[in-house]
Amino acid sequence: MESATTDYTIWYVLGILFLIYLIILFSNRRGKRRRKSRRFMDGKRRHDKNS
């Protein structure tokens, strides 16, 4: 009976680690998109501020 509890604990830990991995993965993708759009719009923003 105790070995079954231990097996479930391992799966819970692996599931939590996988969720943390997915959260980090998606937050990094969102950050990359923001940086790309910022670089793309950079000249336009400067132009708007100067005029």
Protein backbone atom coordinates (compact mmCIF):
# COMPACT_ATOMS: atom_id res chain seq x y z
CA MET A 1 0.00 0.00 0.00
CA GLU A 2 2.81 2.38 0.83
CA SER A 3 4.56 1.84 -2.51
CA ALA A 4 1.41 2.97 -4.37
CA THR A 5 1.42 6.23 -2.40
CA THR A 6 5.07 6.79 -3.27
CA ASP A 7 4.36 6.19 -6.96
CA TYR A 8 1.62 8.79 -6.94
CA THR A 9 3.89 11.27 -5.18
CA ILE A 10 6.47 10.88 -7.94
CA TRP A 11 3.83 11.56 -10.59
CA TYR A 12 2.58 14.63 -8.71
CA VAL A 13 6.12 16.03 -8.50
CA LEU A 14 6.74 15.34 -12.20
CA GLY A 15 3.43 16.99 -13.10
CA ILE A 16 4.25 20.12 -11.09
CA LEU A 17 7.71 20.34 -12.67
CA PHE A 18 6.15 19.98 -16.13
CA LEU A 19 3.66 22.79 -15.39
CA ILE A 20 6.49 25.06 -14.22
CA TYR A 21 8.39 24.24 -17.42
CA LEU A 22 5.37 25.16 -19.56
CA ILE A 23 4.84 28.44 -17.70
CA ILE A 24 8.48 29.43 -18.22
CA LEU A 25 8.33 28.39 -21.89
CA PHE A 26 5.26 30.49 -22.65
CA SER A 27 6.51 33.51 -20.69
CA ASN A 28 9.78 33.42 -22.66
CA ARG A 29 7.88 33.28 -25.97
CA ARG A 30 5.77 36.27 -24.94
CA GLY A 31 8.93 38.17 -23.99
CA LYS A 32 10.55 37.42 -27.35
CA ARG A 33 7.49 38.74 -29.16
CA ARG A 34 7.53 41.93 -27.10
CA ARG A 35 11.21 42.51 -27.83
CA LYS A 36 10.72 41.91 -31.56
CA SER A 37 7.77 44.28 -31.78
CA ARG A 38 9.61 46.88 -29.73
CA ARG A 39 12.57 46.73 -32.09
CA PHE A 40 10.27 46.92 -35.12
CA MET A 41 8.31 49.90 -33.79
CA ASP A 42 11.33 51.67 -32.35
CA GLY A 43 11.89 54.01 -35.31
CA LYS A 44 8.21 54.88 -35.52
CA ARG A 45 8.04 55.75 -31.84
CA ARG A 46 11.09 57.97 -32.13
CA HIS A 47 9.56 59.66 -35.15
CA ASP A 48 6.31 60.32 -33.27
CA LYS A 49 8.16 61.80 -30.30
CA ASN A 50 10.27 64.14 -32.44
CA SER A 51 7.38 65.57 -34.46
